[in-house]
């Protein structure tokens, strides 16, 4: 059984936009890893049943939540390209007992890196052969150290659509969509992930990234099937018309996003077909801005990838600014595992929102904690530092509200009341150097 803990001399950043920093606080954590009490040092006596841990006036904030990530890769850039024959052969190898073990171990390693960087909860929105389900369960059962995972298994895409056939179940028509939802649900997923439009990484022509692939009827059937068991649907969308179709179909979150008109804004805020009556936006700037903003002598990408990334990045930025202005529910995800997106630098996504999206550091922290928890439906358990919530906490020597990069240096990660202090992350210096130029 875990020992009760008392964190003393805490400077608390609650995670809620409307709460101020509180100094000289004590946080009591019970032996179930739940926050029992948060009180000023002058107003509380600590009994001997608590192990006292002096935070020494460092900053305590909620654990980070990455609402859009993948674990199958570490995000290192690659200049390799593969033929369809090679990809087909590779998938056959991965779809074996040995191949699945390789995928699982890779995901486990990346999950640990994310955890050591302060991510205590992650929504993984697309992995191979349901190894995300296995890893989620192993983390929950404390067999593996990592963030709590909310997982979606395979994408659901149109035949030949984004991620298909390697990372997606292919769909032709509403009943195909329903069948594929049922396949994923049977494997134990938490969310359904669909691809309404094409994507940057596998587009063959300029403009294909935002080209509509699923119909409104297909989206509606998928959402209705998921919603009947209380499961939410996330939609990869990279064009305005794709967003409109996704919203009308009833998706619960738009991943990436595109510019909005008044009709789209209204549907985000009041969506009768969404499970909760509204839809959230989760942009992923890190997945696009390196390709769009770095010199091409560094990225060594072709014209199609560059132009698509530039279009998608610029549209995401407009969409994010519109969402903030119109009080649309907004979350944070960085599409970790994509090229140039490591599992240890979610702070870069926040930094981009601040410098290019025009929000404050405090707002960024609110989005990556409280707002993300609300979007994932776990806000009664995590997302802020409040009594009755799980003790998923970060200890930082420097104030992230003064400089968001301070999130890159942690003293401690606490999950469910358990302290982790040996936070050793091997970073990619070449990658970090390139991203520091932006």
Protein backbone atom coordinates (compact mmCIF):
# COMPACT_ATOMS: atom_id res chain seq x y z
CA UNK A 1 0.00 0.00 0.00
CA UNK A 2 1.23 3.50 -0.87
CA UNK A 3 2.14 5.75 2.02
CA UNK A 4 0.27 9.01 2.51
CA UNK A 5 2.29 12.02 1.42
CA UNK A 6 2.38 15.68 2.32
CA UNK A 7 3.96 17.98 -0.23
CA UNK A 8 5.04 21.07 1.68
CA UNK A 9 6.25 24.51 0.55
CA UNK A 10 4.44 24.25 -2.79
CA UNK A 11 3.84 27.07 -5.24
CA UNK A 12 0.66 25.85 -6.90
CA UNK A 13 -0.40 26.51 -10.50
CA UNK A 14 -3.90 25.03 -10.53
CA UNK A 15 -4.41 24.63 -14.29
CA UNK A 16 -7.66 26.59 -14.26
CA UNK A 17 -7.39 29.86 -16.18
CA UNK A 18 -9.37 31.67 -13.49
CA UNK A 19 -7.19 30.62 -10.54
CA UNK A 20 -4.15 32.54 -9.35
CA UNK A 21 -0.83 31.05 -8.26
CA UNK A 22 -0.88 30.08 -4.58
CA UNK A 23 2.32 30.17 -2.53
CA UNK A 24 3.38 28.29 0.60
CA UNK A 25 0.78 25.57 0.13
CA UNK A 26 0.57 22.03 1.45
CA UNK A 27 -0.92 19.22 -0.65
CA UNK A 28 -2.00 16.09 1.20
CA UNK A 29 -2.21 12.88 -0.86
CA UNK A 30 -3.86 9.74 0.50
CA UNK A 31 -2.61 6.19 0.02
CA UNK A 32 -4.86 5.78 -3.03
CA UNK A 33 -3.06 8.61 -4.82
CA UNK A 34 -5.95 11.07 -4.41
CA UNK A 35 -5.51 14.68 -3.30
CA UNK A 36 -7.09 14.94 0.15
CA UNK A 37 -6.40 18.53 1.05
CA UNK A 38 -4.85 21.69 -0.36
CA UNK A 39 -4.29 24.29 2.27
CA UNK A 40 -2.08 27.18 3.26
CA UNK A 41 0.86 26.14 5.40
CA UNK A 42 -0.33 28.32 8.25
CA UNK A 43 -3.76 26.66 8.37
CA UNK A 44 -2.93 22.97 8.59
CA UNK A 45 -1.22 20.51 10.90
CA UNK A 46 0.34 17.41 9.32
CA UNK A 47 -0.08 14.17 11.23
CA UNK A 48 2.69 11.59 11.53
CA UNK A 49 0.96 9.21 9.10
CA UNK A 50 2.11 11.42 6.22
CA UNK A 51 5.55 11.28 4.67
CA UNK A 52 6.61 14.93 4.33
CA UNK A 53 8.26 15.94 1.06
CA UNK A 54 9.67 19.45 0.90
CA UNK A 55 9.06 20.92 -2.55
CA UNK A 56 11.21 23.88 -1.51
CA UNK A 57 8.92 26.52 -3.07
CA UNK A 58 9.12 24.99 -6.53
CA UNK A 59 6.11 25.12 -8.84
CA UNK A 60 3.51 22.37 -8.71
CA UNK A 61 1.08 22.02 -11.62
CA UNK A 62 -1.17 19.33 -13.12
CA UNK A 63 0.44 16.69 -15.32
CA UNK A 64 0.37 17.50 -19.02
CA UNK A 65 -2.24 15.90 -21.27
CA UNK A 66 -1.37 15.23 -24.91
CA UNK A 67 -4.73 14.93 -26.66
CA UNK A 68 -3.36 13.93 -30.08
CA UNK A 69 -0.35 11.64 -30.32
CA UNK A 70 0.89 8.33 -31.71
CA UNK A 71 3.40 5.96 -30.13
CA UNK A 72 4.57 3.87 -33.09
CA UNK A 73 7.53 6.17 -33.84
CA UNK A 74 9.86 8.53 -31.98
CA UNK A 75 9.50 11.51 -34.33
CA UNK A 76 13.00 11.51 -35.74
CA UNK A 77 13.08 12.95 -39.28
CA UNK A 78 13.84 10.50 -42.04
CA UNK A 79 14.82 11.03 -45.64
CA UNK A 80 13.82 7.51 -46.60
CA UNK A 81 10.89 6.79 -48.89
CA UNK A 82 9.39 3.38 -49.41
CA UNK A 83 7.72 1.76 -52.37
CA UNK A 84 4.27 0.24 -52.03
CA UNK A 85 5.79 -3.22 -52.34
CA UNK A 86 8.17 -2.51 -49.45
CA UNK A 87 5.36 -1.16 -47.29
CA UNK A 88 3.17 -4.19 -48.00
CA UNK A 89 6.00 -6.51 -47.05
CA UNK A 90 6.74 -4.51 -43.90
CA UNK A 91 3.11 -4.64 -42.74
CA UNK A 92 3.06 -8.41 -43.21
CA UNK A 93 6.13 -8.69 -41.01
CA UNK A 94 4.63 -6.44 -38.34
CA UNK A 95 1.41 -8.44 -38.34
CA UNK A 96 3.18 -11.42 -36.76
CA UNK A 97 3.80 -12.33 -33.14
CA UNK A 98 7.37 -11.07 -33.38
CA UNK A 99 6.32 -7.96 -35.30
CA UNK A 100 3.66 -7.05 -32.76
CA UNK A 101 6.19 -7.48 -29.97
CA UNK A 102 8.49 -5.07 -31.81
CA UNK A 103 5.68 -2.52 -32.15
CA UNK A 104 4.71 -2.90 -28.50
CA UNK A 105 8.27 -2.43 -27.22
CA UNK A 106 8.72 0.64 -29.41
CA UNK A 107 5.48 2.13 -28.13
CA UNK A 108 6.40 1.31 -24.53
CA UNK A 109 9.73 3.12 -24.94
CA UNK A 110 8.09 6.20 -26.45
CA UNK A 111 5.41 6.23 -23.76
CA UNK A 112 8.11 6.30 -21.08
CA UNK A 113 9.83 9.24 -22.79
CA UNK A 114 6.53 11.11 -22.88
CA UNK A 115 5.92 10.37 -19.21
CA UNK A 116 9.37 11.51 -18.15
CA UNK A 117 8.75 14.79 -19.97
CA UNK A 118 5.62 15.42 -17.87
CA UNK A 119 2.82 13.86 -19.91
CA UNK A 120 0.72 11.88 -17.44
CA UNK A 121 -2.24 11.35 -19.79
CA UNK A 122 -2.26 10.78 -23.54
CA UNK A 123 -4.87 10.15 -26.19
CA UNK A 124 -3.25 7.91 -28.78
CA UNK A 125 -5.18 8.38 -32.03
CA UNK A 126 -3.97 5.63 -34.32
CA UNK A 127 -1.67 2.65 -33.82
CA UNK A 128 -0.96 -0.72 -35.44
CA UNK A 129 -2.70 -3.99 -34.54
CA UNK A 130 -4.23 -2.76 -31.26
CA UNK A 131 -0.94 -2.76 -29.42
CA UNK A 132 -2.15 0.54 -27.91
CA UNK A 133 -4.93 -1.39 -26.14
CA UNK A 134 -2.41 -3.81 -24.67
CA UNK A 135 -0.07 -1.01 -23.58
CA UNK A 136 -2.96 0.96 -22.04
CA UNK A 137 -3.94 -2.05 -19.95
CA UNK A 138 -0.37 -2.78 -18.89
CA UNK A 139 0.11 0.82 -17.75
CA UNK A 140 -3.20 0.75 -15.89
CA UNK A 141 -2.19 -2.48 -14.16
CA UNK A 142 1.19 -0.93 -13.25
CA UNK A 143 3.17 -3.45 -15.28
CA UNK A 144 4.64 -0.59 -17.33
CA UNK A 145 5.46 3.03 -16.51
CA UNK A 146 3.83 5.57 -18.79
CA UNK A 147 0.99 8.04 -19.19
CA UNK A 148 -2.58 6.88 -18.78
CA UNK A 149 -3.69 6.10 -22.32
CA UNK A 150 -6.96 6.65 -24.13
CA UNK A 151 -6.64 4.71 -27.38
CA UNK A 152 -8.35 4.37 -30.75
CA UNK A 153 -6.64 1.45 -32.49
CA UNK A 154 -6.85 1.65 -36.28
CA UNK A 155 -8.16 4.72 -38.12
CA UNK A 156 -11.37 4.37 -40.08
CA UNK A 157 -10.77 5.77 -43.57
CA UNK A 158 -12.20 5.60 -47.07
CA UNK A 159 -10.73 2.90 -49.27
CA UNK A 160 -7.38 4.28 -50.37
CA UNK A 161 -7.81 7.19 -47.94
CA UNK A 162 -5.49 8.69 -45.35
CA UNK A 163 -3.57 5.96 -43.55
CA UNK A 164 -5.09 3.18 -45.65
CA UNK A 165 -4.52 0.33 -45.92
CA UNK A 166 -1.66 0.20 -43.41
CA UNK A 167 -2.98 2.15 -40.42
CA UNK A 168 -6.68 2.22 -41.28
CA UNK A 169 -9.73 0.03 -41.69
CA UNK A 170 -11.12 0.84 -45.13
CA UNK A 171 -14.72 1.96 -45.50
CA UNK A 172 -17.08 2.19 -48.47
CA UNK A 173 -20.50 3.35 -47.38
CA UNK A 174 -22.28 3.86 -44.05
CA UNK A 175 -22.63 0.16 -43.20
CA UNK A 176 -18.94 -0.40 -43.76
CA UNK A 177 -18.32 2.42 -41.33
CA UNK A 178 -20.61 0.84 -38.74
CA UNK A 179 -18.88 -2.51 -39.18
CA UNK A 180 -15.45 -0.96 -38.67
CA UNK A 181 -16.59 0.84 -35.52
CA UNK A 182 -17.72 -2.53 -34.21
CA UNK A 183 -14.38 -4.11 -35.08
CA UNK A 184 -12.51 -1.46 -33.10
CA UNK A 185 -14.93 -1.59 -30.17
CA UNK A 186 -14.54 -5.36 -29.99
CA UNK A 187 -10.78 -4.88 -29.61
CA UNK A 188 -11.31 -2.61 -26.59
CA UNK A 189 -10.63 0.92 -27.88
CA UNK A 190 -11.71 4.07 -26.01
CA UNK A 191 -12.25 6.42 -28.97
CA UNK A 192 -13.01 6.08 -32.65
CA UNK A 193 -10.65 7.94 -35.01
CA UNK A 194 -11.82 8.68 -38.55
CA UNK A 195 -10.15 10.42 -41.49
CA UNK A 196 -12.62 12.68 -43.27
CA UNK A 197 -10.01 14.19 -45.60
CA UNK A 198 -6.62 13.27 -46.96
CA UNK A 199 -3.46 14.00 -45.01
CA UNK A 200 -0.09 15.61 -45.62
CA UNK A 201 2.14 12.59 -45.13
CA UNK A 202 0.65 10.33 -47.79
CA UNK A 203 -0.69 12.88 -50.28
CA UNK A 204 0.44 12.36 -53.86
CA UNK A 205 -0.69 15.74 -55.22
CA UNK A 206 -0.90 19.33 -53.95
CA UNK A 207 -4.27 19.85 -52.29
CA UNK A 208 -4.90 16.18 -51.58
CA UNK A 209 -4.33 16.71 -47.85
CA UNK A 210 -7.69 18.48 -47.53
CA UNK A 211 -9.58 16.54 -50.16
CA UNK A 212 -12.82 15.04 -48.84
CA UNK A 213 -12.69 11.25 -48.57
CA UNK A 214 -15.55 10.21 -46.27
CA UNK A 215 -19.10 11.35 -47.00
CA UNK A 216 -21.40 13.01 -44.49
CA UNK A 217 -23.56 9.87 -44.51
CA UNK A 218 -20.57 7.71 -43.64
CA UNK A 219 -19.48 10.07 -40.86
CA UNK A 220 -23.00 10.20 -39.44
CA UNK A 221 -23.32 6.39 -39.41
CA UNK A 222 -19.94 6.01 -37.70
CA UNK A 223 -20.76 8.62 -35.06
CA UNK A 224 -24.23 7.19 -34.39
CA UNK A 225 -22.77 3.71 -33.87
CA UNK A 226 -20.07 5.00 -31.51
CA UNK A 227 -22.37 7.35 -29.62
CA UNK A 228 -24.92 4.66 -28.84
CA UNK A 229 -22.37 3.13 -26.42
CA UNK A 230 -21.12 6.51 -25.19
CA UNK A 231 -17.92 6.46 -27.24
CA UNK A 232 -16.65 9.68 -28.83
CA UNK A 233 -15.29 10.17 -32.35
CA UNK A 234 -12.20 12.16 -33.35
CA UNK A 235 -11.93 13.30 -36.96
CA UNK A 236 -8.77 14.03 -38.94
CA UNK A 237 -9.81 16.99 -41.12
CA UNK A 238 -7.68 19.45 -43.11
CA UNK A 239 -10.11 21.58 -45.15
CA UNK A 240 -13.08 23.81 -44.36
CA UNK A 241 -15.57 21.70 -46.28
CA UNK A 242 -14.19 18.60 -44.60
CA UNK A 243 -14.76 20.27 -41.22
CA UNK A 244 -18.34 21.08 -42.20
CA UNK A 245 -19.03 17.46 -43.18
CA UNK A 246 -17.41 16.16 -39.98
CA UNK A 247 -19.40 18.52 -37.77
CA UNK A 248 -22.70 17.74 -39.46
CA UNK A 249 -21.93 14.05 -39.11
CA UNK A 250 -21.56 14.52 -35.35
CA UNK A 251 -17.86 14.16 -34.55
CA UNK A 252 -16.73 15.11 -31.06
CA UNK A 253 -13.34 16.55 -31.92
CA UNK A 254 -11.78 18.01 -35.04
CA UNK A 255 -8.11 17.13 -35.33
CA UNK A 256 -5.90 19.69 -37.15
CA UNK A 257 -8.71 21.94 -38.43
CA UNK A 258 -9.31 24.57 -41.11
CA UNK A 259 -10.75 28.11 -41.44
CA UNK A 260 -14.31 28.59 -40.22
CA UNK A 261 -17.34 30.47 -41.47
CA UNK A 262 -20.30 31.41 -39.25
CA UNK A 263 -22.04 28.10 -39.93
CA UNK A 264 -18.96 26.12 -38.86
CA UNK A 265 -18.46 28.26 -35.75
CA UNK A 266 -22.08 27.66 -34.77
CA UNK A 267 -21.77 23.89 -35.28
CA UNK A 268 -18.66 23.70 -33.10
CA UNK A 269 -20.48 25.38 -30.24
CA UNK A 270 -23.88 23.71 -30.65
CA UNK A 271 -23.67 20.40 -32.45
CA UNK A 272 -26.87 18.35 -32.06
CA UNK A 273 -25.23 15.22 -33.49
CA UNK A 274 -22.16 15.27 -31.23
CA UNK A 275 -22.29 13.12 -28.10
CA UNK A 276 -22.10 16.08 -25.72
CA UNK A 277 -23.79 18.67 -27.92
CA UNK A 278 -20.60 20.43 -28.96
CA UNK A 279 -17.36 19.70 -30.80
CA UNK A 280 -13.79 20.55 -29.78
CA UNK A 281 -10.82 21.59 -31.90
CA UNK A 282 -7.35 20.12 -31.45
CA UNK A 283 -4.77 21.69 -33.78
CA UNK A 284 -1.39 20.01 -34.17
CA UNK A 285 1.07 22.71 -35.22
CA UNK A 286 4.18 20.65 -34.55
CA UNK A 287 3.25 18.14 -37.23
CA UNK A 288 3.17 20.83 -39.94
CA UNK A 289 5.28 23.84 -39.05
CA UNK A 290 8.72 22.22 -39.43
CA UNK A 291 7.91 21.35 -43.05
CA UNK A 292 6.24 24.71 -43.67
CA UNK A 293 8.74 27.00 -41.93
CA UNK A 294 12.16 25.34 -41.98
CA UNK A 295 14.47 25.89 -44.94
CA UNK A 296 13.98 23.05 -47.40
CA UNK A 297 17.72 22.46 -47.49
CA UNK A 298 17.22 21.11 -43.96
CA UNK A 299 14.02 19.14 -44.46
CA UNK A 300 14.87 17.84 -47.94
CA UNK A 301 11.18 17.43 -48.83
CA UNK A 302 9.53 17.44 -52.25
CA UNK A 303 7.19 20.11 -53.61
CA UNK A 304 4.02 18.16 -52.83
CA UNK A 305 4.88 17.67 -49.16
CA UNK A 306 6.05 21.27 -48.77
CA UNK A 307 3.00 22.85 -50.39
CA UNK A 308 0.51 20.62 -48.56
CA UNK A 309 2.21 21.22 -45.22
CA UNK A 310 2.22 24.98 -45.82
CA UNK A 311 -1.50 25.03 -46.70
CA UNK A 312 -2.47 22.88 -43.72
CA UNK A 313 -0.28 24.81 -41.28
CA UNK A 314 -1.62 28.21 -42.34
CA UNK A 315 -5.21 26.93 -42.20
CA UNK A 316 -4.68 25.42 -38.74
CA UNK A 317 -3.34 28.72 -37.45
CA UNK A 318 -6.38 30.63 -38.74
CA UNK A 319 -8.69 27.97 -37.30
CA UNK A 320 -7.02 28.13 -33.87
CA UNK A 321 -7.23 31.91 -33.72
CA UNK A 322 -10.91 31.80 -34.72
CA UNK A 323 -11.64 29.15 -32.10
CA UNK A 324 -10.03 31.18 -29.31
CA UNK A 325 -11.86 34.34 -30.41
CA UNK A 326 -15.23 32.55 -30.50
CA UNK A 327 -14.84 30.58 -27.24
CA UNK A 328 -14.85 27.21 -28.96
CA UNK A 329 -13.58 24.28 -26.91
CA UNK A 330 -9.86 23.94 -27.74
CA UNK A 331 -7.34 21.32 -26.71
CA UNK A 332 -3.66 20.57 -27.26
CA UNK A 333 -2.00 17.76 -29.17
CA UNK A 334 1.24 17.71 -31.13
CA UNK A 335 0.90 14.58 -33.32
CA UNK A 336 3.96 13.05 -31.65
CA UNK A 337 5.58 10.28 -33.74
CA UNK A 338 5.31 12.32 -36.92
CA UNK A 339 8.62 13.55 -38.38
CA UNK A 340 10.09 16.39 -36.29
CA UNK A 341 7.67 15.70 -33.41
CA UNK A 342 9.37 13.96 -30.50
CA UNK A 343 7.66 12.64 -27.39
CA UNK A 344 9.62 14.90 -25.04
CA UNK A 345 8.76 18.40 -26.27
CA UNK A 346 5.03 19.04 -26.00
CA UNK A 347 6.07 22.43 -24.66
CA UNK A 348 6.93 23.39 -28.26
CA UNK A 349 3.27 23.06 -29.25
CA UNK A 350 2.34 25.45 -26.44
CA UNK A 351 5.16 27.78 -27.41
CA UNK A 352 3.85 27.90 -30.97
CA UNK A 353 0.34 28.67 -29.74
CA UNK A 354 1.75 31.54 -27.70
CA UNK A 355 4.11 33.06 -30.28
CA UNK A 356 2.03 32.50 -33.41
CA UNK A 357 -1.50 31.96 -32.08
CA UNK A 358 -1.50 34.95 -29.75
CA UNK A 359 -2.48 33.34 -26.43
CA UNK A 360 -0.80 33.79 -23.04
CA UNK A 361 1.32 31.24 -21.22
CA UNK A 362 -1.41 30.87 -18.60
CA UNK A 363 -3.98 30.15 -21.31
CA UNK A 364 -1.65 27.57 -22.88
CA UNK A 365 -1.31 25.75 -19.55
CA UNK A 366 -5.09 25.86 -19.13
CA UNK A 367 -5.55 24.25 -22.56
CA UNK A 368 -3.02 21.44 -21.99
CA UNK A 369 -4.44 20.55 -18.58
CA UNK A 370 -8.01 21.55 -17.69
CA UNK A 371 -9.37 21.92 -21.23
CA UNK A 372 -7.78 18.70 -22.47
CA UNK A 373 -9.21 16.83 -19.48
CA UNK A 374 -12.66 18.14 -20.32
CA UNK A 375 -12.33 17.11 -23.97
CA UNK A 376 -11.24 13.59 -23.00
CA UNK A 377 -14.05 13.36 -20.45
CA UNK A 378 -11.74 12.86 -17.47
CA UNK A 379 -11.98 16.31 -15.87
CA UNK A 380 -13.55 14.92 -12.70
CA UNK A 381 -10.35 12.93 -12.13
CA UNK A 382 -7.49 15.07 -13.48
CA UNK A 383 -6.67 18.37 -15.19
CA UNK A 384 -6.53 20.67 -12.18
CA UNK A 385 -5.09 20.49 -8.67
CA UNK A 386 -8.22 20.05 -6.59
CA UNK A 387 -9.33 17.96 -3.65
CA UNK A 388 -10.76 14.61 -4.75
CA UNK A 389 -8.74 14.48 -7.94
CA UNK A 390 -5.85 12.15 -8.68
CA UNK A 391 -2.39 13.38 -7.75
CA UNK A 392 -0.97 13.60 -11.28
CA UNK A 393 1.45 16.46 -10.76
CA UNK A 394 4.62 18.05 -12.08
CA UNK A 395 7.30 19.74 -9.96
CA UNK A 396 9.27 22.47 -11.77
CA UNK A 397 12.08 24.70 -10.51
CA UNK A 398 11.01 27.62 -12.72
CA UNK A 399 7.66 29.23 -13.47
CA UNK A 400 6.14 28.09 -16.82
CA UNK A 401 3.78 31.07 -16.81
CA UNK A 402 6.83 33.32 -17.15
CA UNK A 403 8.40 31.15 -19.87
CA UNK A 404 6.66 28.08 -21.29
CA UNK A 405 10.04 26.50 -22.08
CA UNK A 406 10.43 25.99 -18.34
CA UNK A 407 8.23 22.92 -18.90
CA UNK A 408 11.27 21.28 -20.51
CA UNK A 409 13.03 21.03 -17.15
CA UNK A 410 11.25 19.04 -14.45
CA UNK A 411 12.34 18.08 -10.96
CA UNK A 412 9.72 15.40 -10.49
CA UNK A 413 6.68 13.72 -12.02
CA UNK A 414 4.00 12.42 -9.68
CA UNK A 415 1.37 9.99 -10.91
CA UNK A 416 -1.37 8.70 -8.63
CA UNK A 417 0.74 9.87 -5.70
CA UNK A 418 3.87 7.96 -6.76
CA UNK A 419 7.01 10.08 -7.16
CA UNK A 420 9.34 9.73 -10.15
CA UNK A 421 12.56 11.72 -9.89
CA UNK A 422 15.00 9.93 -12.22
CA UNK A 423 13.89 11.78 -15.37
CA UNK A 424 16.58 10.94 -17.90
CA UNK A 425 15.61 11.59 -21.51
CA UNK A 426 17.91 11.06 -24.47
CA UNK A 427 17.20 13.96 -26.80
CA UNK A 428 17.85 14.38 -30.50
CA UNK A 429 20.25 17.33 -30.67
CA UNK A 430 19.96 17.69 -34.45
CA UNK A 431 16.18 17.80 -34.23
CA UNK A 432 16.18 20.28 -31.36
CA UNK A 433 18.67 22.54 -33.13
CA UNK A 434 16.47 22.70 -36.22
CA UNK A 435 13.30 23.42 -34.26
CA UNK A 436 15.02 26.11 -32.20
CA UNK A 437 15.48 28.07 -35.43
CA UNK A 438 11.72 28.61 -35.78
